[in-house]
Amino acid sequence: MNAALGLLGATEYLQAKFSRTAQLNVDDMVRNLTRSAMSKIHSSPWIDNKIKILALDKLEDMHLDVWPID
């Protein structure tokens, strides 16, 4: 989850500094990372259900921040 937060910060930085193509590439990278993290958290038998719900909710928010639904 920390990696996803770091990439979200990197996305915001790159959006301010680079071209739209670079922004889309970073957005895709963050989107794929959050999807992967969500899948791993959801399928893990070692994570408590309350923590899973909180982590998945946070990752979903991050995913929508990068890839909003119009």
N, C-alpha and C. Protein backbone atom coordinates (compact mmCIF):
# COMPACT_ATOMS: atom_id res chain seq x y z
N MET A 1 0.83 -1.18 0.00
CA MET A 1 0.00 0.00 0.00
C MET A 1 0.88 1.25 0.00
N ASN A 2 2.02 1.19 0.69
CA ASN A 2 2.93 2.34 0.68
C ASN A 2 3.44 2.61 -0.72
N ALA A 3 3.68 1.54 -1.48
CA ALA A 3 4.14 1.73 -2.86
C ALA A 3 3.07 2.43 -3.69
N ALA A 4 1.82 2.06 -3.46
CA ALA A 4 0.72 2.70 -4.19
C ALA A 4 0.63 4.18 -3.84
N LEU A 5 0.80 4.49 -2.56
CA LEU A 5 0.78 5.90 -2.14
C LEU A 5 1.94 6.67 -2.77
N GLY A 6 3.10 6.05 -2.82
CA GLY A 6 4.26 6.69 -3.45
C GLY A 6 4.03 6.95 -4.92
N LEU A 7 3.44 5.99 -5.61
CA LEU A 7 3.16 6.18 -7.04
C LEU A 7 2.09 7.22 -7.27
N LEU A 8 1.14 7.31 -6.36
CA LEU A 8 0.13 8.36 -6.48
C LEU A 8 0.79 9.73 -6.39
N GLY A 9 1.73 9.88 -5.45
CA GLY A 9 2.48 11.13 -5.34
C GLY A 9 3.30 11.41 -6.58
N ALA A 10 3.90 10.35 -7.13
CA ALA A 10 4.69 10.50 -8.35
C ALA A 10 3.80 10.93 -9.51
N THR A 11 2.59 10.41 -9.55
CA THR A 11 1.64 10.79 -10.60
C THR A 11 1.35 12.28 -10.55
N GLU A 12 1.08 12.77 -9.35
CA GLU A 12 0.78 14.19 -9.20
C GLU A 12 1.97 15.05 -9.62
N TYR A 13 3.17 14.62 -9.26
CA TYR A 13 4.38 15.36 -9.64
C TYR A 13 4.53 15.37 -11.16
N LEU A 14 4.40 14.19 -11.77
CA LEU A 14 4.58 14.10 -13.22
C LEU A 14 3.51 14.87 -13.98
N GLN A 15 2.30 14.92 -13.45
CA GLN A 15 1.26 15.67 -14.12
C GLN A 15 1.61 17.15 -14.19
N ALA A 16 2.35 17.62 -13.21
CA ALA A 16 2.75 19.03 -13.20
C ALA A 16 3.96 19.28 -14.10
N LYS A 17 4.75 18.24 -14.41
CA LYS A 17 6.02 18.45 -15.08
C LYS A 17 6.11 17.93 -16.52
N PHE A 18 5.32 16.93 -16.87
CA PHE A 18 5.56 16.26 -18.14
C PHE A 18 4.34 16.27 -19.05
N SER A 19 4.53 15.71 -20.22
CA SER A 19 3.49 15.69 -21.26
C SER A 19 2.31 14.81 -20.88
N ARG A 20 1.24 14.95 -21.63
CA ARG A 20 0.03 14.15 -21.39
C ARG A 20 0.32 12.66 -21.58
N THR A 21 1.17 12.29 -22.54
CA THR A 21 1.51 10.88 -22.76
C THR A 21 2.18 10.30 -21.53
N ALA A 22 3.12 11.03 -20.96
CA ALA A 22 3.79 10.56 -19.74
C ALA A 22 2.80 10.43 -18.60
N GLN A 23 1.87 11.38 -18.51
CA GLN A 23 0.85 11.32 -17.46
C GLN A 23 0.01 10.06 -17.60
N LEU A 24 -0.40 9.74 -18.82
CA LEU A 24 -1.23 8.55 -19.04
C LEU A 24 -0.47 7.28 -18.71
N ASN A 25 0.83 7.23 -19.05
CA ASN A 25 1.64 6.06 -18.73
C ASN A 25 1.74 5.86 -17.22
N VAL A 26 1.97 6.93 -16.48
CA VAL A 26 2.06 6.83 -15.03
C VAL A 26 0.70 6.50 -14.44
N ASP A 27 -0.35 7.10 -14.96
CA ASP A 27 -1.70 6.78 -14.50
C ASP A 27 -2.00 5.30 -14.67
N ASP A 28 -1.64 4.75 -15.83
CA ASP A 28 -1.84 3.31 -16.07
C ASP A 28 -1.05 2.47 -15.08
N MET A 29 0.18 2.88 -14.80
CA MET A 29 1.03 2.16 -13.86
C MET A 29 0.40 2.15 -12.47
N VAL A 30 -0.08 3.30 -12.02
CA VAL A 30 -0.72 3.39 -10.70
C VAL A 30 -2.01 2.58 -10.69
N ARG A 31 -2.77 2.67 -11.74
CA ARG A 31 -4.03 1.91 -11.83
C ARG A 31 -3.77 0.41 -11.74
N ASN A 32 -2.76 -0.07 -12.47
CA ASN A 32 -2.43 -1.49 -12.43
C ASN A 32 -1.90 -1.90 -11.06
N LEU A 33 -1.10 -1.05 -10.44
CA LEU A 33 -0.58 -1.36 -9.11
C LEU A 33 -1.71 -1.44 -8.08
N THR A 34 -2.64 -0.51 -8.13
CA THR A 34 -3.73 -0.54 -7.15
C THR A 34 -4.62 -1.76 -7.39
N ARG A 35 -4.86 -2.12 -8.63
CA ARG A 35 -5.64 -3.33 -8.91
C ARG A 35 -4.94 -4.57 -8.37
N SER A 36 -3.64 -4.65 -8.60
CA SER A 36 -2.86 -5.80 -8.12
C SER A 36 -2.87 -5.87 -6.60
N ALA A 37 -2.67 -4.73 -5.95
CA ALA A 37 -2.67 -4.69 -4.49
C ALA A 37 -4.04 -5.08 -3.95
N MET A 38 -5.10 -4.59 -4.58
CA MET A 38 -6.45 -4.93 -4.14
C MET A 38 -6.70 -6.43 -4.26
N SER A 39 -6.25 -7.02 -5.33
CA SER A 39 -6.43 -8.45 -5.54
C SER A 39 -5.68 -9.26 -4.49
N LYS A 40 -4.44 -8.87 -4.21
CA LYS A 40 -3.63 -9.60 -3.23
C LYS A 40 -4.19 -9.46 -1.82
N ILE A 41 -4.64 -8.26 -1.47
CA ILE A 41 -5.23 -8.05 -0.15
C ILE A 41 -6.51 -8.88 -0.01
N HIS A 42 -7.34 -8.84 -1.04
CA HIS A 42 -8.62 -9.55 -1.00
C HIS A 42 -8.43 -11.06 -0.84
N SER A 43 -7.41 -11.62 -1.49
CA SER A 43 -7.22 -13.07 -1.48
C SER A 43 -6.36 -13.57 -0.32
N SER A 44 -5.76 -12.68 0.45
CA SER A 44 -4.87 -13.09 1.53
C SER A 44 -5.64 -13.66 2.72
N PRO A 45 -5.29 -14.89 3.15
CA PRO A 45 -5.95 -15.46 4.33
C PRO A 45 -5.36 -14.92 5.64
N TRP A 46 -4.27 -14.16 5.56
CA TRP A 46 -3.55 -13.71 6.75
C TRP A 46 -3.98 -12.33 7.23
N ILE A 47 -4.75 -11.62 6.44
CA ILE A 47 -5.14 -10.26 6.81
C ILE A 47 -6.54 -10.28 7.41
N ASP A 48 -6.70 -9.65 8.58
CA ASP A 48 -7.99 -9.56 9.26
C ASP A 48 -9.01 -8.87 8.35
N ASN A 49 -10.26 -9.30 8.42
CA ASN A 49 -11.31 -8.76 7.54
C ASN A 49 -11.51 -7.26 7.71
N LYS A 50 -11.44 -6.74 8.93
CA LYS A 50 -11.62 -5.30 9.14
C LYS A 50 -10.50 -4.52 8.45
N ILE A 51 -9.29 -5.03 8.55
CA ILE A 51 -8.15 -4.37 7.89
C ILE A 51 -8.29 -4.48 6.37
N LYS A 52 -8.75 -5.62 5.89
CA LYS A 52 -8.98 -5.79 4.45
C LYS A 52 -9.95 -4.73 3.94
N ILE A 53 -11.05 -4.54 4.66
CA ILE A 53 -12.06 -3.57 4.23
C ILE A 53 -11.47 -2.17 4.16
N LEU A 54 -10.72 -1.78 5.20
CA LEU A 54 -10.11 -0.44 5.21
C LEU A 54 -9.09 -0.28 4.09
N ALA A 55 -8.23 -1.29 3.92
CA ALA A 55 -7.19 -1.21 2.88
C ALA A 55 -7.81 -1.18 1.49
N LEU A 56 -8.79 -2.03 1.25
CA LEU A 56 -9.43 -2.07 -0.06
C LEU A 56 -10.17 -0.77 -0.35
N ASP A 57 -10.80 -0.19 0.67
CA ASP A 57 -11.49 1.08 0.49
C ASP A 57 -10.51 2.19 0.12
N LYS A 58 -9.37 2.24 0.81
CA LYS A 58 -8.36 3.26 0.52
C LYS A 58 -7.79 3.09 -0.89
N LEU A 59 -7.50 1.84 -1.26
CA LEU A 59 -6.98 1.59 -2.60
C LEU A 59 -8.00 1.93 -3.67
N GLU A 60 -9.26 1.66 -3.42
CA GLU A 60 -10.31 2.03 -4.38
C GLU A 60 -10.37 3.54 -4.55
N ASP A 61 -10.26 4.28 -3.45
CA ASP A 61 -10.24 5.74 -3.54
C ASP A 61 -9.06 6.22 -4.37
N MET A 62 -7.88 5.62 -4.15
CA MET A 62 -6.69 6.00 -4.91
C MET A 62 -6.88 5.68 -6.39
N HIS A 63 -7.46 4.51 -6.66
CA HIS A 63 -7.70 4.09 -8.03
C HIS A 63 -8.62 5.08 -8.74
N LEU A 64 -9.66 5.52 -8.06
CA LEU A 64 -10.60 6.47 -8.66
C LEU A 64 -9.99 7.86 -8.79
N ASP A 65 -9.06 8.23 -7.89
CA ASP A 65 -8.38 9.52 -8.02
C ASP A 65 -7.56 9.57 -9.30
N VAL A 66 -6.94 8.45 -9.65
CA VAL A 66 -6.09 8.40 -10.83
C VAL A 66 -6.92 8.15 -12.08
N TRP A 67 -7.93 7.33 -11.97
CA TRP A 67 -8.73 6.95 -13.12
C TRP A 67 -10.20 7.18 -12.82
N PRO A 68 -10.65 8.44 -12.78
CA PRO A 68 -12.03 8.75 -12.39
C PRO A 68 -13.06 8.20 -13.37
N ILE A 69 -14.22 7.92 -12.82
CA ILE A 69 -15.34 7.48 -13.65
C ILE A 69 -16.13 8.73 -14.04
N ASP A 70 -16.32 8.92 -15.34
CA ASP A 70 -17.05 10.10 -15.82
C ASP A 70 -18.53 9.83 -15.88
